[in-house]
Amino acid sequence: MAFAALLVLCFLAGLMMRTRLGRSATTMVEENVLCWIPGFRLIRDLLKRIAGEQEDQTWAVALVEIEEALVPVFVVEHLPDGQYTVFVPSVPTPAAGAVYVMAPERVHIVDVPFAQGLRCITKWGTGTGVLVEAMKRTA
């Protein structure tokens, strides 16, 4: 009985979210309550990127030149002076890594979905050839 009640409640919440009032309430809760939870915005933006709802260059997949190597990264921010802030994820756990500020000539944004770049990291680099080919197409 409790499971059926939960299903009905979730269904009704989903219906409400399709209304203008529901979307406004969600935005208000996100901006005034959830934004204070550490990591909320990061996770929200990552999930939007995975779902294909976010098209800007935040969390875009790129290859950067570090020493003599190409390293898969995610673009965190494009700075006013033209430089990029990039996140270099650890393999195979992309939730940890290092942050670099890099000159634009060393950052090669590739036209592949975020999920593809994430998959390359979690699979120990398998599939990185797709990133390299995408970089060569844009060069």
N, C-alpha and C. Protein backbone atom coordinates (compact mmCIF):
# COMPACT_ATOMS: atom_id res chain seq x y z
N MET A 1 0.82 -1.19 0.00
CA MET A 1 0.00 0.00 0.00
C MET A 1 0.87 1.26 0.00
N ALA A 2 1.94 1.24 0.83
CA ALA A 2 2.84 2.39 0.90
C ALA A 2 3.54 2.60 -0.44
N PHE A 3 3.92 1.50 -1.10
CA PHE A 3 4.59 1.61 -2.41
C PHE A 3 3.66 2.24 -3.44
N ALA A 4 2.40 1.83 -3.44
CA ALA A 4 1.43 2.40 -4.38
C ALA A 4 1.22 3.88 -4.11
N ALA A 5 1.17 4.25 -2.83
CA ALA A 5 1.02 5.67 -2.48
C ALA A 5 2.22 6.47 -2.96
N LEU A 6 3.41 5.90 -2.81
CA LEU A 6 4.62 6.58 -3.26
C LEU A 6 4.61 6.76 -4.77
N LEU A 7 4.19 5.75 -5.51
CA LEU A 7 4.10 5.86 -6.96
C LEU A 7 3.13 6.95 -7.38
N VAL A 8 1.98 7.00 -6.73
CA VAL A 8 0.99 8.03 -7.05
C VAL A 8 1.55 9.41 -6.74
N LEU A 9 2.22 9.55 -5.60
CA LEU A 9 2.82 10.83 -5.22
C LEU A 9 3.87 11.27 -6.25
N CYS A 10 4.71 10.35 -6.68
CA CYS A 10 5.73 10.68 -7.69
C CYS A 10 5.08 11.07 -9.01
N PHE A 11 4.03 10.36 -9.40
CA PHE A 11 3.32 10.67 -10.64
C PHE A 11 2.73 12.08 -10.58
N LEU A 12 2.09 12.40 -9.45
CA LEU A 12 1.50 13.73 -9.30
C LEU A 12 2.57 14.83 -9.29
N ALA A 13 3.71 14.55 -8.65
CA ALA A 13 4.82 15.52 -8.64
C ALA A 13 5.32 15.75 -10.07
N GLY A 14 5.42 14.67 -10.84
CA GLY A 14 5.85 14.80 -12.23
C GLY A 14 4.88 15.63 -13.05
N LEU A 15 3.59 15.42 -12.83
CA LEU A 15 2.59 16.23 -13.54
C LEU A 15 2.72 17.70 -13.16
N MET A 16 2.92 17.96 -11.89
CA MET A 16 3.04 19.34 -11.43
C MET A 16 4.28 20.02 -12.04
N MET A 17 5.34 19.26 -12.22
CA MET A 17 6.58 19.83 -12.76
C MET A 17 6.43 20.28 -14.21
N ARG A 18 5.39 19.80 -14.89
CA ARG A 18 5.16 20.20 -16.28
C ARG A 18 4.44 21.54 -16.39
N THR A 19 3.99 22.07 -15.27
CA THR A 19 3.29 23.35 -15.29
C THR A 19 4.28 24.50 -15.08
N ARG A 20 3.86 25.69 -15.44
CA ARG A 20 4.70 26.87 -15.24
C ARG A 20 4.96 27.11 -13.75
N LEU A 21 3.91 26.89 -12.93
CA LEU A 21 4.04 27.07 -11.49
C LEU A 21 5.06 26.07 -10.91
N GLY A 22 5.02 24.84 -11.38
CA GLY A 22 5.96 23.82 -10.90
C GLY A 22 7.39 24.16 -11.27
N ARG A 23 7.60 24.61 -12.49
CA ARG A 23 8.96 24.99 -12.92
C ARG A 23 9.46 26.19 -12.13
N SER A 24 8.56 27.15 -11.86
CA SER A 24 8.95 28.32 -11.07
C SER A 24 9.33 27.92 -9.65
N ALA A 25 8.55 27.01 -9.08
CA ALA A 25 8.84 26.55 -7.71
C ALA A 25 10.18 25.82 -7.67
N THR A 26 10.46 25.01 -8.67
CA THR A 26 11.73 24.29 -8.73
C THR A 26 12.90 25.27 -8.81
N THR A 27 12.78 26.26 -9.68
CA THR A 27 13.84 27.26 -9.82
C THR A 27 14.06 28.00 -8.51
N MET A 28 12.97 28.36 -7.84
CA MET A 28 13.09 29.08 -6.58
C MET A 28 13.78 28.22 -5.52
N VAL A 29 13.41 26.94 -5.43
CA VAL A 29 14.04 26.05 -4.45
C VAL A 29 15.52 25.86 -4.77
N GLU A 30 15.84 25.68 -6.06
CA GLU A 30 17.25 25.51 -6.45
C GLU A 30 18.08 26.72 -6.09
N GLU A 31 17.57 27.92 -6.40
CA GLU A 31 18.34 29.14 -6.20
C GLU A 31 18.42 29.58 -4.75
N ASN A 32 17.43 29.25 -3.94
CA ASN A 32 17.41 29.75 -2.56
C ASN A 32 17.75 28.70 -1.51
N VAL A 33 17.65 27.43 -1.84
CA VAL A 33 17.90 26.39 -0.84
C VAL A 33 19.03 25.46 -1.27
N LEU A 34 18.83 24.81 -2.41
CA LEU A 34 19.77 23.77 -2.84
C LEU A 34 21.15 24.31 -3.20
N CYS A 35 21.23 25.57 -3.63
CA CYS A 35 22.52 26.13 -4.02
C CYS A 35 23.49 26.20 -2.85
N TRP A 36 22.98 26.14 -1.62
CA TRP A 36 23.84 26.19 -0.44
C TRP A 36 24.43 24.83 -0.10
N ILE A 37 23.97 23.78 -0.74
CA ILE A 37 24.52 22.44 -0.51
C ILE A 37 25.81 22.33 -1.33
N PRO A 38 26.93 22.04 -0.67
CA PRO A 38 28.21 21.94 -1.42
C PRO A 38 28.13 20.90 -2.54
N GLY A 39 28.52 21.33 -3.71
CA GLY A 39 28.57 20.42 -4.85
C GLY A 39 27.27 20.32 -5.63
N PHE A 40 26.20 20.97 -5.17
CA PHE A 40 24.91 20.85 -5.86
C PHE A 40 25.00 21.37 -7.30
N ARG A 41 25.53 22.58 -7.46
CA ARG A 41 25.61 23.16 -8.81
C ARG A 41 26.48 22.32 -9.73
N LEU A 42 27.58 21.81 -9.20
CA LEU A 42 28.47 20.97 -9.99
C LEU A 42 27.74 19.74 -10.49
N ILE A 43 27.07 19.05 -9.60
CA ILE A 43 26.35 17.83 -9.98
C ILE A 43 25.20 18.15 -10.92
N ARG A 44 24.47 19.23 -10.66
CA ARG A 44 23.37 19.62 -11.54
C ARG A 44 23.89 19.91 -12.95
N ASP A 45 24.98 20.68 -13.05
CA ASP A 45 25.53 21.01 -14.36
C ASP A 45 26.05 19.77 -15.08
N LEU A 46 26.68 18.87 -14.34
CA LEU A 46 27.17 17.63 -14.96
C LEU A 46 26.03 16.78 -15.47
N LEU A 47 24.96 16.66 -14.70
CA LEU A 47 23.81 15.87 -15.13
C LEU A 47 23.14 16.49 -16.34
N LYS A 48 23.06 17.83 -16.37
CA LYS A 48 22.51 18.50 -17.55
C LYS A 48 23.37 18.24 -18.77
N ARG A 49 24.68 18.25 -18.58
CA ARG A 49 25.60 18.01 -19.69
C ARG A 49 25.43 16.57 -20.20
N ILE A 50 25.34 15.60 -19.28
CA ILE A 50 25.17 14.20 -19.69
C ILE A 50 23.85 14.01 -20.42
N ALA A 51 22.79 14.69 -19.96
CA ALA A 51 21.48 14.57 -20.58
C ALA A 51 21.38 15.34 -21.89
N GLY A 52 22.41 16.13 -22.21
CA GLY A 52 22.40 16.90 -23.45
C GLY A 52 21.58 18.18 -23.37
N GLU A 53 21.25 18.63 -22.17
CA GLU A 53 20.45 19.84 -21.99
C GLU A 53 21.30 21.09 -21.95
N GLN A 54 22.60 20.97 -21.79
CA GLN A 54 23.47 22.13 -21.67
C GLN A 54 24.42 22.13 -22.86
N GLU A 55 24.44 23.24 -23.59
CA GLU A 55 25.20 23.30 -24.83
C GLU A 55 26.37 24.28 -24.79
N ASP A 56 26.57 25.01 -23.69
CA ASP A 56 27.67 25.96 -23.66
C ASP A 56 28.99 25.22 -23.50
N GLN A 57 30.09 25.96 -23.38
CA GLN A 57 31.40 25.31 -23.31
C GLN A 57 31.78 24.89 -21.89
N THR A 58 30.90 25.13 -20.91
CA THR A 58 31.19 24.64 -19.56
C THR A 58 31.10 23.12 -19.59
N TRP A 59 32.14 22.47 -19.12
CA TRP A 59 32.27 21.02 -19.08
C TRP A 59 32.36 20.42 -20.48
N ALA A 60 32.80 21.22 -21.44
CA ALA A 60 33.06 20.68 -22.77
C ALA A 60 34.29 19.78 -22.70
N VAL A 61 34.32 18.78 -23.53
CA VAL A 61 35.45 17.86 -23.59
C VAL A 61 36.55 18.51 -24.43
N ALA A 62 37.79 18.38 -23.96
CA ALA A 62 38.92 18.95 -24.69
C ALA A 62 40.15 18.07 -24.49
N LEU A 63 41.11 18.27 -25.36
CA LEU A 63 42.45 17.70 -25.20
C LEU A 63 43.39 18.87 -24.99
N VAL A 64 44.22 18.79 -23.97
CA VAL A 64 45.18 19.87 -23.71
C VAL A 64 46.60 19.34 -23.84
N GLU A 65 47.47 20.26 -24.20
CA GLU A 65 48.88 19.91 -24.32
C GLU A 65 49.57 20.18 -22.99
N ILE A 66 49.98 19.10 -22.32
CA ILE A 66 50.75 19.21 -21.09
C ILE A 66 52.06 18.49 -21.35
N GLU A 67 53.15 19.26 -21.29
CA GLU A 67 54.48 18.77 -21.68
C GLU A 67 54.39 18.25 -23.11
N GLU A 68 54.72 16.99 -23.37
CA GLU A 68 54.69 16.45 -24.73
C GLU A 68 53.50 15.54 -24.96
N ALA A 69 52.46 15.68 -24.14
CA ALA A 69 51.33 14.76 -24.22
C ALA A 69 50.02 15.51 -24.45
N LEU A 70 49.04 14.79 -24.99
CA LEU A 70 47.67 15.29 -25.05
C LEU A 70 46.91 14.64 -23.90
N VAL A 71 46.22 15.45 -23.12
CA VAL A 71 45.53 14.96 -21.93
C VAL A 71 44.05 15.28 -22.06
N PRO A 72 43.16 14.28 -21.88
CA PRO A 72 41.72 14.58 -21.92
C PRO A 72 41.31 15.35 -20.67
N VAL A 73 40.53 16.42 -20.88
CA VAL A 73 40.10 17.29 -19.79
C VAL A 73 38.66 17.74 -20.04
N PHE A 74 38.12 18.44 -19.05
CA PHE A 74 36.84 19.11 -19.19
C PHE A 74 37.06 20.59 -18.95
N VAL A 75 36.52 21.42 -19.84
CA VAL A 75 36.66 22.87 -19.71
C VAL A 75 35.70 23.35 -18.63
N VAL A 76 36.23 24.01 -17.62
CA VAL A 76 35.41 24.50 -16.51
C VAL A 76 34.98 25.94 -16.77
N GLU A 77 35.89 26.74 -17.34
CA GLU A 77 35.58 28.16 -17.51
C GLU A 77 36.47 28.75 -18.60
N HIS A 78 35.90 29.68 -19.36
CA HIS A 78 36.67 30.47 -20.33
C HIS A 78 36.87 31.83 -19.70
N LEU A 79 38.09 32.17 -19.38
CA LEU A 79 38.41 33.40 -18.66
C LEU A 79 38.38 34.62 -19.58
N PRO A 80 38.15 35.81 -19.03
CA PRO A 80 38.08 37.03 -19.85
C PRO A 80 39.34 37.29 -20.67
N ASP A 81 40.51 36.86 -20.18
CA ASP A 81 41.75 37.11 -20.92
C ASP A 81 42.02 36.05 -22.00
N GLY A 82 41.06 35.14 -22.22
CA GLY A 82 41.20 34.13 -23.26
C GLY A 82 41.68 32.78 -22.76
N GLN A 83 42.24 32.73 -21.58
CA GLN A 83 42.71 31.46 -21.05
C GLN A 83 41.53 30.58 -20.64
N TYR A 84 41.82 29.30 -20.44
CA TYR A 84 40.80 28.35 -20.02
C TYR A 84 41.17 27.76 -18.66
N THR A 85 40.16 27.56 -17.83
CA THR A 85 40.34 26.77 -16.63
C THR A 85 39.85 25.38 -16.99
N VAL A 86 40.71 24.38 -16.80
CA VAL A 86 40.35 23.02 -17.17
C VAL A 86 40.48 22.10 -15.96
N PHE A 87 39.67 21.08 -15.95
CA PHE A 87 39.72 20.05 -14.91
C PHE A 87 40.29 18.79 -15.53
N VAL A 88 41.40 18.32 -14.98
CA VAL A 88 42.04 17.08 -15.45
C VAL A 88 41.61 15.97 -14.49
N PRO A 89 40.68 15.11 -14.91
CA PRO A 89 40.18 14.08 -14.01
C PRO A 89 41.18 12.96 -13.80
N SER A 90 41.09 12.34 -12.63
CA SER A 90 41.90 11.16 -12.35
C SER A 90 41.25 9.94 -12.99
N VAL A 91 42.06 9.01 -13.40
CA VAL A 91 41.56 7.78 -14.00
C VAL A 91 41.57 6.71 -12.93
N PRO A 92 40.55 5.92 -12.78
CA PRO A 92 39.25 5.88 -13.48
C PRO A 92 38.16 6.61 -12.72
N THR A 93 38.51 7.45 -11.76
CA THR A 93 37.52 8.16 -10.94
C THR A 93 37.49 9.62 -11.34
N PRO A 94 36.59 10.02 -12.24
CA PRO A 94 36.59 11.39 -12.73
C PRO A 94 36.12 12.44 -11.73
N ALA A 95 35.70 12.02 -10.54
CA ALA A 95 35.26 12.99 -9.54
C ALA A 95 36.45 13.65 -8.85
N ALA A 96 37.64 13.12 -9.02
CA ALA A 96 38.85 13.70 -8.43
C ALA A 96 39.80 14.08 -9.55
N GLY A 97 40.66 15.04 -9.28
CA GLY A 97 41.61 15.43 -10.31
C GLY A 97 42.29 16.73 -9.96
N ALA A 98 42.81 17.41 -10.98
CA ALA A 98 43.54 18.66 -10.79
C ALA A 98 42.94 19.74 -11.69
N VAL A 99 43.13 20.98 -11.28
CA VAL A 99 42.64 22.12 -12.04
C VAL A 99 43.83 22.91 -12.56
N TYR A 100 43.79 23.28 -13.85
CA TYR A 100 44.85 24.06 -14.48
C TYR A 100 44.23 25.27 -15.16
N VAL A 101 44.98 26.36 -15.22
CA VAL A 101 44.64 27.51 -16.06
C VAL A 101 45.61 27.45 -17.22
N MET A 102 45.05 27.38 -18.44
CA MET A 102 45.91 27.12 -19.60
C MET A 102 45.70 28.15 -20.70
N ALA A 103 46.76 28.38 -21.46
CA ALA A 103 46.71 29.27 -22.61
C ALA A 103 45.82 28.65 -23.69
N PRO A 104 45.09 29.47 -24.42
CA PRO A 104 44.13 28.95 -25.39
C PRO A 104 44.76 28.10 -26.51
N GLU A 105 46.01 28.40 -26.86
CA GLU A 105 46.63 27.62 -27.94
C GLU A 105 46.97 26.18 -27.51
N ARG A 106 46.91 25.91 -26.21
CA ARG A 106 47.18 24.55 -25.72
C ARG A 106 45.92 23.76 -25.42
N VAL A 107 44.75 24.41 -25.60
CA VAL A 107 43.46 23.76 -25.32
C VAL A 107 42.74 23.51 -26.64
N HIS A 108 42.41 22.26 -26.90
CA HIS A 108 41.73 21.87 -28.13
C HIS A 108 40.38 21.27 -27.77
N ILE A 109 39.32 22.10 -27.86
CA ILE A 109 37.98 21.62 -27.56
C ILE A 109 37.55 20.71 -28.69
N VAL A 110 37.05 19.53 -28.34
CA VAL A 110 36.65 18.55 -29.34
C VAL A 110 35.13 18.43 -29.34
N ASP A 111 34.59 18.16 -30.52
CA ASP A 111 33.14 18.07 -30.69
C ASP A 111 32.68 16.63 -30.44
N VAL A 112 32.71 16.23 -29.17
CA VAL A 112 32.17 14.93 -28.76
C VAL A 112 31.29 15.17 -27.53
N PRO A 113 30.30 14.33 -27.33
CA PRO A 113 29.43 14.51 -26.16
C PRO A 113 30.19 14.32 -24.85
N PHE A 114 29.71 15.00 -23.83
CA PHE A 114 30.32 14.90 -22.50
C PHE A 114 30.39 13.45 -22.05
N ALA A 115 29.33 12.69 -22.30
CA ALA A 115 29.29 11.29 -21.86
C ALA A 115 30.42 10.49 -22.50
N GLN A 116 30.77 10.79 -23.75
CA GLN A 116 31.87 10.09 -24.44
C GLN A 116 33.20 10.40 -23.75
N GLY A 117 33.43 11.67 -23.41
CA GLY A 117 34.67 12.02 -22.71
C GLY A 117 34.73 11.38 -21.34
N LEU A 118 33.62 11.35 -20.64
CA LEU A 118 33.56 10.72 -19.33
C LEU A 118 33.84 9.23 -19.43
N ARG A 119 33.31 8.60 -20.46
CA ARG A 119 33.53 7.17 -20.68
C ARG A 119 35.02 6.88 -20.90
N CYS A 120 35.71 7.74 -21.62
CA CYS A 120 37.15 7.53 -21.84
C CYS A 120 37.91 7.53 -20.51
N ILE A 121 37.51 8.38 -19.60
CA ILE A 121 38.19 8.47 -18.30
C ILE A 121 37.88 7.24 -17.46
N THR A 122 36.62 6.85 -17.40
CA THR A 122 36.24 5.73 -16.53
C THR A 122 36.70 4.39 -17.07
N LYS A 123 37.03 4.33 -18.35
CA LYS A 123 37.50 3.07 -18.95
C LYS A 123 39.00 3.09 -19.19
N TRP A 124 39.72 3.81 -18.35
CA TRP A 124 41.19 3.84 -18.38
C TRP A 124 41.74 4.29 -19.74
N GLY A 125 41.05 5.19 -20.43
CA GLY A 125 41.56 5.74 -21.68
C GLY A 125 41.06 5.04 -22.93
N THR A 126 40.33 3.94 -22.76
CA THR A 126 39.79 3.25 -23.93
C THR A 126 38.81 4.17 -24.66
N GLY A 127 38.98 4.32 -25.95
CA GLY A 127 38.12 5.18 -26.74
C GLY A 127 38.64 6.59 -26.93
N THR A 128 39.84 6.87 -26.44
CA THR A 128 40.40 8.22 -26.57
C THR A 128 40.73 8.55 -28.02
N GLY A 129 40.85 7.54 -28.85
CA GLY A 129 41.09 7.77 -30.27
C GLY A 129 40.00 8.62 -30.90
N VAL A 130 38.78 8.49 -30.41
CA VAL A 130 37.66 9.31 -30.91
C VAL A 130 37.93 10.78 -30.62
N LEU A 131 38.50 11.06 -29.44
CA LEU A 131 38.82 12.45 -29.09
C LEU A 131 39.92 13.01 -30.00
N VAL A 132 40.93 12.19 -30.25
CA VAL A 132 42.04 12.63 -31.10
C VAL A 132 41.56 12.88 -32.51
N GLU A 133 40.71 12.01 -33.04
CA GLU A 133 40.17 12.20 -34.39
C GLU A 133 39.31 13.46 -34.46
N ALA A 134 38.53 13.72 -33.42
CA ALA A 134 37.69 14.93 -33.38
C ALA A 134 38.57 16.18 -33.34
N MET A 135 39.70 16.10 -32.64
CA MET A 135 40.63 17.23 -32.58
C MET A 135 41.24 17.49 -33.96
N LYS A 136 41.59 16.42 -34.66
CA LYS A 136 42.19 16.58 -35.99
C LYS A 136 41.18 17.18 -36.97
N ARG A 137 39.90 16.85 -36.83
CA ARG A 137 38.87 17.40 -37.73
C ARG A 137 38.71 18.90 -37.53
N THR A 138 38.88 19.38 -36.29
CA THR A 138 38.69 20.81 -36.02
C THR A 138 39.95 21.62 -36.26
N ALA A 139 41.09 20.97 -36.42
CA ALA A 139 42.37 21.69 -36.59
C ALA A 139 42.54 22.18 -38.00
